[in-house]
Amino acid sequence: MLLLQNRLDAALIAIGTQIVREATRIHARLHAISENTGSNFLKLIIFFVSIPVFQLSHFAFKATYSLQQVKLLLVGRKCAALGGKDLSLKF
C-alpha cells in the first residue's frame, strides 16, 4: 500500500511540474506575440488570455509544493518515530 502511495505522489508531482512548465511555455509565447504586434486591441486580448494561464500555473505550483511539504512532514515524523530528530519542523 505504501509503495502504491509513493508512486501516486510521484506521479502527481510530475504532472504538476509538467503543467507549470507548459503554462510557462504558453505564457512566453503569448508574451512574444504581444511584443511583436502593433495593435493595442490584440495586446489586450493576449493579456486577458494570459491571466488564466498564469492562474493555472500558480495553482499547479501551489498544489505540487503542498504535496511535497506533506511528504517532507511524513518523512520527518517517520524519522522521529525511529529515534531520530524531526528536522521537518524547521521548514
PDB file of N, CA and C in Angstrom:
ATOM      1  N   MET A   1       0.821  -1.200   0.000  1.00  0.00           N
ATOM      2  CA  MET A   1       0.000   0.000   0.000  1.00  0.00           C
ATOM      3  C   MET A   1       0.862   1.259   0.000  1.00  0.00           C
ATOM      4  N   LEU A   2       1.935   1.224   0.803  1.00  0.00           N
ATOM      5  CA  LEU A   2       2.809   2.389   0.884  1.00  0.00           C
ATOM      6  C   LEU A   2       3.534   2.636  -0.437  1.00  0.00           C
ATOM      7  N   LEU A   3       3.937   1.551  -1.097  1.00  0.00           N
ATOM      8  CA  LEU A   3       4.606   1.690  -2.391  1.00  0.00           C
ATOM      9  C   LEU A   3       3.674   2.320  -3.424  1.00  0.00           C
ATOM     10  N   LEU A   4       2.404   1.920  -3.377  1.00  0.00           N
ATOM     11  CA  LEU A   4       1.424   2.485  -4.294  1.00  0.00           C
ATOM     12  C   LEU A   4       1.213   3.978  -4.013  1.00  0.00           C
ATOM     13  N   GLN A   5       1.190   4.356  -2.729  1.00  0.00           N
ATOM     14  CA  GLN A   5       1.035   5.766  -2.360  1.00  0.00           C
ATOM     15  C   GLN A   5       2.236   6.591  -2.823  1.00  0.00           C
ATOM     16  N   ASN A   6       3.443   6.033  -2.684  1.00  0.00           N
ATOM     17  CA  ASN A   6       4.640   6.741  -3.142  1.00  0.00           C
ATOM     18  C   ASN A   6       4.620   6.948  -4.647  1.00  0.00           C
ATOM     19  N   ARG A   7       4.146   5.939  -5.375  1.00  0.00           N
ATOM     20  CA  ARG A   7       4.060   6.075  -6.833  1.00  0.00           C
ATOM     21  C   ARG A   7       3.027   7.125  -7.231  1.00  0.00           C
ATOM     22  N   LEU A   8       1.901   7.138  -6.517  1.00  0.00           N
ATOM     23  CA  LEU A   8       0.868   8.128  -6.800  1.00  0.00           C
ATOM     24  C   LEU A   8       1.381   9.541  -6.507  1.00  0.00           C
ATOM     25  N   ASP A   9       2.068   9.702  -5.379  1.00  0.00           N
ATOM     26  CA  ASP A   9       2.636  11.014  -5.043  1.00  0.00           C
ATOM     27  C   ASP A   9       3.635  11.470  -6.102  1.00  0.00           C
ATOM     28  N   ALA A  10       4.497  10.549  -6.525  1.00  0.00           N
ATOM     29  CA  ALA A  10       5.493  10.899  -7.535  1.00  0.00           C
ATOM     30  C   ALA A  10       4.820  11.276  -8.854  1.00  0.00           C
ATOM     31  N   ALA A  11       3.768  10.545  -9.216  1.00  0.00           N
ATOM     32  CA  ALA A  11       3.056  10.848 -10.457  1.00  0.00           C
ATOM     33  C   ALA A  11       2.371  12.215 -10.368  1.00  0.00           C
ATOM     34  N   LEU A  12       1.751  12.512  -9.224  1.00  0.00           N
ATOM     35  CA  LEU A  12       1.086  13.816  -9.070  1.00  0.00           C
ATOM     36  C   LEU A  12       2.089  14.960  -9.100  1.00  0.00           C
ATOM     37  N   ILE A  13       3.238  14.772  -8.486  1.00  0.00           N
ATOM     38  CA  ILE A  13       4.279  15.807  -8.508  1.00  0.00           C
ATOM     39  C   ILE A  13       4.783  16.014  -9.938  1.00  0.00           C
ATOM     40  N   ALA A  14       4.987  14.924 -10.669  1.00  0.00           N
ATOM     41  CA  ALA A  14       5.450  15.041 -12.057  1.00  0.00           C
ATOM     42  C   ALA A  14       4.407  15.737 -12.930  1.00  0.00           C
ATOM     43  N   ILE A  15       3.142  15.407 -12.733  1.00  0.00           N
ATOM     44  CA  ILE A  15       2.079  16.042 -13.516  1.00  0.00           C
ATOM     45  C   ILE A  15       2.006  17.531 -13.201  1.00  0.00           C
ATOM     46  N   GLY A  16       2.072  17.886 -11.910  1.00  0.00           N
ATOM     47  CA  GLY A  16       2.044  19.296 -11.518  1.00  0.00           C
ATOM     48  C   GLY A  16       3.214  20.071 -12.094  1.00  0.00           C
ATOM     49  N   THR A  17       4.390  19.450 -12.077  1.00  0.00           N
ATOM     50  CA  THR A  17       5.574  20.097 -12.635  1.00  0.00           C
ATOM     51  C   THR A  17       5.430  20.306 -14.136  1.00  0.00           C
ATOM     52  N   GLN A  18       4.883  19.311 -14.817  1.00  0.00           N
ATOM     53  CA  GLN A  18       4.694  19.439 -16.263  1.00  0.00           C
ATOM     54  C   GLN A  18       3.681  20.527 -16.599  1.00  0.00           C
ATOM     55  N   ILE A  19       2.634  20.649 -15.788  1.00  0.00           N
ATOM     56  CA  ILE A  19       1.643  21.710 -16.015  1.00  0.00           C
ATOM     57  C   ILE A  19       2.298  23.075 -15.875  1.00  0.00           C
ATOM     58  N   VAL A  20       3.135  23.243 -14.857  1.00  0.00           N
ATOM     59  CA  VAL A  20       3.822  24.522 -14.660  1.00  0.00           C
ATOM     60  C   VAL A  20       4.737  24.817 -15.848  1.00  0.00           C
ATOM     61  N   ARG A  21       5.467  23.816 -16.315  1.00  0.00           N
ATOM     62  CA  ARG A  21       6.365  24.021 -17.462  1.00  0.00           C
ATOM     63  C   ARG A  21       5.602  24.419 -18.721  1.00  0.00           C
ATOM     64  N   GLU A  22       4.512  23.720 -18.995  1.00  0.00           N
ATOM     65  CA  GLU A  22       3.734  24.019 -20.196  1.00  0.00           C
ATOM     66  C   GLU A  22       3.082  25.398 -20.102  1.00  0.00           C
ATOM     67  N   ALA A  23       2.565  25.743 -18.937  1.00  0.00           N
ATOM     68  CA  ALA A  23       1.958  27.066 -18.773  1.00  0.00           C
ATOM     69  C   ALA A  23       3.006  28.161 -18.957  1.00  0.00           C
ATOM     70  N   THR A  24       4.209  27.924 -18.480  1.00  0.00           N
ATOM     71  CA  THR A  24       5.295  28.884 -18.660  1.00  0.00           C
ATOM     72  C   THR A  24       5.636  29.042 -20.138  1.00  0.00           C
ATOM     73  N   ARG A  25       5.664  27.925 -20.852  1.00  0.00           N
ATOM     74  CA  ARG A  25       5.957  27.969 -22.287  1.00  0.00           C
ATOM     75  C   ARG A  25       4.869  28.738 -23.036  1.00  0.00           C
ATOM     76  N   ILE A  26       3.612  28.475 -22.698  1.00  0.00           N
ATOM     77  CA  ILE A  26       2.493  29.173 -23.335  1.00  0.00           C
ATOM     78  C   ILE A  26       2.546  30.666 -23.028  1.00  0.00           C
ATOM     79  N   HIS A  27       2.845  30.996 -21.770  1.00  0.00           N
ATOM     80  CA  HIS A  27       2.919  32.406 -21.388  1.00  0.00           C
ATOM     81  C   HIS A  27       4.050  33.113 -22.135  1.00  0.00           C
ATOM     82  N   ALA A  28       5.181  32.451 -22.288  1.00  0.00           N
ATOM     83  CA  ALA A  28       6.299  33.058 -23.025  1.00  0.00           C
ATOM     84  C   ALA A  28       5.928  33.286 -24.483  1.00  0.00           C
ATOM     85  N   ARG A  29       5.212  32.334 -25.070  1.00  0.00           N
ATOM     86  CA  ARG A  29       4.786  32.501 -26.460  1.00  0.00           C
ATOM     87  C   ARG A  29       3.789  33.650 -26.600  1.00  0.00           C
ATOM     88  N   LEU A  30       2.842  33.730 -25.663  1.00  0.00           N
ATOM     89  CA  LEU A  30       1.881  34.841 -25.702  1.00  0.00           C
ATOM     90  C   LEU A  30       2.586  36.184 -25.525  1.00  0.00           C
ATOM     91  N   HIS A  31       3.579  36.228 -24.660  1.00  0.00           N
ATOM     92  CA  HIS A  31       4.327  37.473 -24.456  1.00  0.00           C
ATOM     93  C   HIS A  31       5.076  37.870 -25.728  1.00  0.00           C
ATOM     94  N   ALA A  32       5.672  36.887 -26.403  1.00  0.00           N
ATOM     95  CA  ALA A  32       6.390  37.186 -27.649  1.00  0.00           C
ATOM     96  C   ALA A  32       5.433  37.696 -28.721  1.00  0.00           C
ATOM     97  N   ILE A  33       4.249  37.102 -28.808  1.00  0.00           N
ATOM     98  CA  ILE A  33       3.262  37.570 -29.779  1.00  0.00           C
ATOM     99  C   ILE A  33       2.825  38.994 -29.440  1.00  0.00           C
ATOM    100  N   SER A  34       2.637  39.255 -28.146  1.00  0.00           N
ATOM    101  CA  SER A  34       2.219  40.587 -27.720  1.00  0.00           C
ATOM    102  C   SER A  34       3.271  41.641 -28.041  1.00  0.00           C
ATOM    103  N   GLU A  35       4.521  41.285 -27.890  1.00  0.00           N
ATOM    104  CA  GLU A  35       5.603  42.232 -28.181  1.00  0.00           C
ATOM    105  C   GLU A  35       5.717  42.532 -29.677  1.00  0.00           C
ATOM    106  N   ASN A  36       5.366  41.562 -30.516  1.00  0.00           N
ATOM    107  CA  ASN A  36       5.545  41.727 -31.959  1.00  0.00           C
ATOM    108  C   ASN A  36       4.334  42.314 -32.675  1.00  0.00           C
ATOM    109  N   THR A  37       3.253  42.510 -31.951  1.00  0.00           N
ATOM    110  CA  THR A  37       2.072  43.066 -32.595  1.00  0.00           C
ATOM    111  C   THR A  37       2.024  44.576 -32.410  1.00  0.00           C
ATOM    112  N   GLY A  38       1.429  45.236 -33.358  1.00  0.00           N
ATOM    113  CA  GLY A  38       1.315  46.684 -33.273  1.00  0.00           C
ATOM    114  C   GLY A  38      -0.042  47.137 -32.757  1.00  0.00           C
ATOM    115  N   SER A  39      -0.978  46.224 -32.709  1.00  0.00           N
ATOM    116  CA  SER A  39      -2.334  46.561 -32.323  1.00  0.00           C
ATOM    117  C   SER A  39      -2.503  46.494 -30.807  1.00  0.00           C
ATOM    118  N   ASN A  40      -2.981  47.593 -30.233  1.00  0.00           N
ATOM    119  CA  ASN A  40      -3.235  47.597 -28.794  1.00  0.00           C
ATOM    120  C   ASN A  40      -4.399  46.677 -28.432  1.00  0.00           C
ATOM    121  N   PHE A  41      -5.363  46.545 -29.350  1.00  0.00           N
ATOM    122  CA  PHE A  41      -6.504  45.666 -29.094  1.00  0.00           C
ATOM    123  C   PHE A  41      -6.049  44.213 -28.991  1.00  0.00           C
ATOM    124  N   LEU A  42      -5.142  43.799 -29.871  1.00  0.00           N
ATOM    125  CA  LEU A  42      -4.619  42.432 -29.832  1.00  0.00           C
ATOM    126  C   LEU A  42      -3.789  42.207 -28.567  1.00  0.00           C
ATOM    127  N   LYS A  43      -3.047  43.229 -28.157  1.00  0.00           N
ATOM    128  CA  LYS A  43      -2.289  43.121 -26.905  1.00  0.00           C
ATOM    129  C   LYS A  43      -3.228  42.929 -25.720  1.00  0.00           C
ATOM    130  N   LEU A  44      -4.362  43.614 -25.732  1.00  0.00           N
ATOM    131  CA  LEU A  44      -5.344  43.478 -24.654  1.00  0.00           C
ATOM    132  C   LEU A  44      -5.944  42.071 -24.636  1.00  0.00           C
ATOM    133  N   ILE A  45      -6.252  41.535 -25.810  1.00  0.00           N
ATOM    134  CA  ILE A  45      -6.795  40.174 -25.887  1.00  0.00           C
ATOM    135  C   ILE A  45      -5.777  39.170 -25.365  1.00  0.00           C
ATOM    136  N   ILE A  46      -4.529  39.314 -25.765  1.00  0.00           N
ATOM    137  CA  ILE A  46      -3.476  38.403 -25.296  1.00  0.00           C
ATOM    138  C   ILE A  46      -3.297  38.525 -23.793  1.00  0.00           C
ATOM    139  N   PHE A  47      -3.402  39.726 -23.273  1.00  0.00           N
ATOM    140  CA  PHE A  47      -3.300  39.920 -21.829  1.00  0.00           C
ATOM    141  C   PHE A  47      -4.403  39.160 -21.101  1.00  0.00           C
ATOM    142  N   PHE A  48      -5.636  39.257 -21.606  1.00  0.00           N
ATOM    143  CA  PHE A  48      -6.751  38.567 -20.955  1.00  0.00           C
ATOM    144  C   PHE A  48      -6.661  37.053 -21.120  1.00  0.00           C
ATOM    145  N   VAL A  49      -6.054  36.590 -22.180  1.00  0.00           N
ATOM    146  CA  VAL A  49      -5.849  35.148 -22.350  1.00  0.00           C
ATOM    147  C   VAL A  49      -4.748  34.653 -21.406  1.00  0.00           C
ATOM    148  N   SER A  50      -3.751  35.479 -21.159  1.00  0.00           N
ATOM    149  CA  SER A  50      -2.636  35.042 -20.316  1.00  0.00           C
ATOM    150  C   SER A  50      -2.996  34.987 -18.828  1.00  0.00           C
ATOM    151  N   ILE A  51      -4.061  35.649 -18.411  1.00  0.00           N
ATOM    152  CA  ILE A  51      -4.450  35.617 -16.991  1.00  0.00           C
ATOM    153  C   ILE A  51      -4.822  34.205 -16.547  1.00  0.00           C
ATOM    154  N   PRO A  52      -5.706  33.475 -17.252  1.00  0.00           N
ATOM    155  CA  PRO A  52      -5.997  32.106 -16.806  1.00  0.00           C
ATOM    156  C   PRO A  52      -4.793  31.171 -16.907  1.00  0.00           C
ATOM    157  N   VAL A  53      -3.910  31.428 -17.870  1.00  0.00           N
ATOM    158  CA  VAL A  53      -2.697  30.612 -17.984  1.00  0.00           C
ATOM    159  C   VAL A  53      -1.845  30.795 -16.733  1.00  0.00           C
ATOM    160  N   PHE A  54      -1.699  32.032 -16.289  1.00  0.00           N
ATOM    161  CA  PHE A  54      -0.944  32.291 -15.068  1.00  0.00           C
ATOM    162  C   PHE A  54      -1.618  31.661 -13.859  1.00  0.00           C
ATOM    163  N   GLN A  55      -2.944  31.771 -13.770  1.00  0.00           N
ATOM    164  CA  GLN A  55      -3.660  31.198 -12.633  1.00  0.00           C
ATOM    165  C   GLN A  55      -3.509  29.680 -12.590  1.00  0.00           C
ATOM    166  N   LEU A  56      -3.546  29.023 -13.736  1.00  0.00           N
ATOM    167  CA  LEU A  56      -3.340  27.581 -13.793  1.00  0.00           C
ATOM    168  C   LEU A  56      -1.936  27.219 -13.330  1.00  0.00           C
ATOM    169  N   SER A  57      -0.948  27.955 -13.801  1.00  0.00           N
ATOM    170  CA  SER A  57       0.427  27.702 -13.402  1.00  0.00           C
ATOM    171  C   SER A  57       0.606  27.906 -11.901  1.00  0.00           C
ATOM    172  N   HIS A  58       0.030  28.962 -11.387  1.00  0.00           N
ATOM    173  CA  HIS A  58       0.154  29.272  -9.960  1.00  0.00           C
ATOM    174  C   HIS A  58      -0.524  28.197  -9.111  1.00  0.00           C
ATOM    175  N   PHE A  59      -1.707  27.739  -9.523  1.00  0.00           N
ATOM    176  CA  PHE A  59      -2.405  26.692  -8.788  1.00  0.00           C
ATOM    177  C   PHE A  59      -1.617  25.387  -8.802  1.00  0.00           C
ATOM    178  N   ALA A  60      -1.089  25.012  -9.972  1.00  0.00           N
ATOM    179  CA  ALA A  60      -0.315  23.771 -10.077  1.00  0.00           C
ATOM    180  C   ALA A  60       0.943  23.854  -9.217  1.00  0.00           C
ATOM    181  N   PHE A  61       1.584  25.028  -9.185  1.00  0.00           N
ATOM    182  CA  PHE A  61       2.773  25.192  -8.364  1.00  0.00           C
ATOM    183  C   PHE A  61       2.428  25.036  -6.885  1.00  0.00           C
ATOM    184  N   LYS A  62       1.349  25.697  -6.441  1.00  0.00           N
ATOM    185  CA  LYS A  62       0.966  25.620  -5.034  1.00  0.00           C
ATOM    186  C   LYS A  62       0.578  24.201  -4.641  1.00  0.00           C
ATOM    187  N   ALA A  63      -0.150  23.499  -5.505  1.00  0.00           N
ATOM    188  CA  ALA A  63      -0.568  22.129  -5.204  1.00  0.00           C
ATOM    189  C   ALA A  63       0.643  21.197  -5.124  1.00  0.00           C
ATOM    190  N   THR A  64       1.561  21.329  -6.064  1.00  0.00           N
ATOM    191  CA  THR A  64       2.765  20.488  -6.064  1.00  0.00           C
ATOM    192  C   THR A  64       3.631  20.791  -4.858  1.00  0.00           C
ATOM    193  N   TYR A  65       3.790  22.041  -4.531  1.00  0.00           N
ATOM    194  CA  TYR A  65       4.585  22.437  -3.368  1.00  0.00           C
ATOM    195  C   TYR A  65       3.954  21.895  -2.079  1.00  0.00           C
ATOM    196  N   SER A  66       2.646  21.985  -1.958  1.00  0.00           N
ATOM    197  CA  SER A  66       1.960  21.493  -0.762  1.00  0.00           C
ATOM    198  C   SER A  66       2.106  19.982  -0.635  1.00  0.00           C
ATOM    199  N   LEU A  67       2.004  19.273  -1.739  1.00  0.00           N
ATOM    200  CA  LEU A  67       2.177  17.824  -1.710  1.00  0.00           C
ATOM    201  C   LEU A  67       3.591  17.449  -1.260  1.00  0.00           C
ATOM    202  N   GLN A  68       4.571  18.183  -1.734  1.00  0.00           N
ATOM    203  CA  GLN A  68       5.949  17.907  -1.319  1.00  0.00           C
ATOM    204  C   GLN A  68       6.170  18.243   0.151  1.00  0.00           C
ATOM    205  N   GLN A  69       5.516  19.283   0.648  1.00  0.00           N
ATOM    206  CA  GLN A  69       5.613  19.622   2.072  1.00  0.00           C
ATOM    207  C   GLN A  69       5.013  18.520   2.939  1.00  0.00           C
ATOM    208  N   VAL A  70       3.880  17.972   2.514  1.00  0.00           N
ATOM    209  CA  VAL A  70       3.255  16.875   3.258  1.00  0.00           C
ATOM    210  C   VAL A  70       4.175  15.660   3.278  1.00  0.00           C
ATOM    211  N   LYS A  71       4.772  15.343   2.135  1.00  0.00           N
ATOM    212  CA  LYS A  71       5.715  14.221   2.095  1.00  0.00           C
ATOM    213  C   LYS A  71       6.898  14.461   3.020  1.00  0.00           C
ATOM    214  N   LEU A  72       7.387  15.688   3.071  1.00  0.00           N
ATOM    215  CA  LEU A  72       8.509  16.016   3.953  1.00  0.00           C
ATOM    216  C   LEU A  72       8.120  15.853   5.419  1.00  0.00           C
ATOM    217  N   LEU A  73       6.925  16.283   5.782  1.00  0.00           N
ATOM    218  CA  LEU A  73       6.458  16.112   7.157  1.00  0.00           C
ATOM    219  C   LEU A  73       6.328  14.638   7.529  1.00  0.00           C
ATOM    220  N   LEU A  74       5.829  13.829   6.608  1.00  0.00           N
ATOM    221  CA  LEU A  74       5.693  12.403   6.886  1.00  0.00           C
ATOM    222  C   LEU A  74       7.047  11.728   7.061  1.00  0.00           C
ATOM    223  N   VAL A  75       8.016  12.109   6.246  1.00  0.00           N
ATOM    224  CA  VAL A  75       9.364  11.549   6.396  1.00  0.00           C
ATOM    225  C   VAL A  75       9.975  11.982   7.733  1.00  0.00           C
ATOM    226  N   GLY A  76       9.757  13.236   8.117  1.00  0.00           N
ATOM    227  CA  GLY A  76      10.275  13.719   9.398  1.00  0.00           C
ATOM    228  C   GLY A  76       9.660  12.986  10.580  1.00  0.00           C
ATOM    229  N   ARG A  77       8.360  12.729  10.513  1.00  0.00           N
ATOM    230  CA  ARG A  77       7.698  12.003  11.593  1.00  0.00           C
ATOM    231  C   ARG A  77       8.174  10.557  11.651  1.00  0.00           C
ATOM    232  N   LYS A  78       8.396   9.953  10.481  1.00  0.00           N
ATOM    233  CA  LYS A  78       8.899   8.581  10.456  1.00  0.00           C
ATOM    234  C   LYS A  78      10.301   8.518  11.057  1.00  0.00           C
ATOM    235  N   CYS A  79      11.118   9.510  10.742  1.00  0.00           N
ATOM    236  CA  CYS A  79      12.470   9.576  11.294  1.00  0.00           C
ATOM    237  C   CYS A  79      12.411   9.747  12.810  1.00  0.00           C
ATOM    238  N   ALA A  80      11.510  10.580  13.297  1.00  0.00           N
ATOM    239  CA  ALA A  80      11.365  10.791  14.740  1.00  0.00           C
ATOM    240  C   ALA A  80      10.867   9.527  15.428  1.00  0.00           C
ATOM    241  N   ALA A  81       9.988   8.798  14.771  1.00  0.00           N
ATOM    242  CA  ALA A  81       9.473   7.558  15.349  1.00  0.00           C
ATOM    243  C   ALA A  81      10.560   6.500  15.453  1.00  0.00           C
ATOM    244  N   LEU A  82      11.552   6.578  14.589  1.00  0.00           N
ATOM    245  CA  LEU A  82      12.658   5.622  14.628  1.00  0.00           C
ATOM    246  C   LEU A  82      13.768   6.054  15.574  1.00  0.00           C
ATOM    247  N   GLY A  83      13.575   7.171  16.267  1.00  0.00           N
ATOM    248  CA  GLY A  83      14.552   7.607  17.257  1.00  0.00           C
ATOM    249  C   GLY A  83      15.396   8.787  16.843  1.00  0.00           C
ATOM    250  N   GLY A  84      15.214   9.288  15.637  1.00  0.00           N
ATOM    251  CA  GLY A  84      15.984  10.445  15.180  1.00  0.00           C
ATOM    252  C   GLY A  84      15.295  11.744  15.498  1.00  0.00           C
ATOM    253  N   LYS A  85      15.813  12.819  14.956  1.00  0.00           N
ATOM    254  CA  LYS A  85      15.201  14.120  15.147  1.00  0.00           C
ATOM    255  C   LYS A  85      14.237  14.425  14.018  1.00  0.00           C
ATOM    256  N   ASP A  86      13.162  15.109  14.323  1.00  0.00           N
ATOM    257  CA  ASP A  86      12.192  15.522  13.318  1.00  0.00           C
ATOM    258  C   ASP A  86      12.609  16.894  12.795  1.00  0.00           C
ATOM    259  N   LEU A  87      13.473  16.897  11.805  1.00  0.00           N
ATOM    260  CA  LEU A  87      14.010  18.165  11.275  1.00  0.00           C
ATOM    261  C   LEU A  87      13.030  18.857  10.329  1.00  0.00           C
ATOM    262  N   SER A  88      11.948  18.185   9.967  1.00  0.00           N
ATOM    263  CA  SER A  88      10.985  18.786   9.043  1.00  0.00           C
ATOM    264  C   SER A  88      10.214  19.926   9.688  1.00  0.00           C
ATOM    265  N   LEU A  89      10.257  20.041  10.994  1.00  0.00           N
ATOM    266  CA  LEU A  89       9.533  21.118  11.670  1.00  0.00           C
ATOM    267  C   LEU A  89      10.165  22.476  11.418  1.00  0.00           C
ATOM    268  N   LYS A  90      11.405  22.510  10.944  1.00  0.00           N
ATOM    269  CA  LYS A  90      12.100  23.771  10.679  1.00  0.00           C
ATOM    270  C   LYS A  90      11.682  24.397   9.364  1.00  0.00           C
ATOM    271  N   PHE A  91      10.950  23.672   8.525  1.00  0.00           N
ATOM    272  CA  PHE A  91      10.578  24.205   7.216  1.00  0.00           C
ATOM    273  C   PHE A  91       9.341  24.969   7.317  1.00  0.00           C
TER     274      PHE A  91
END
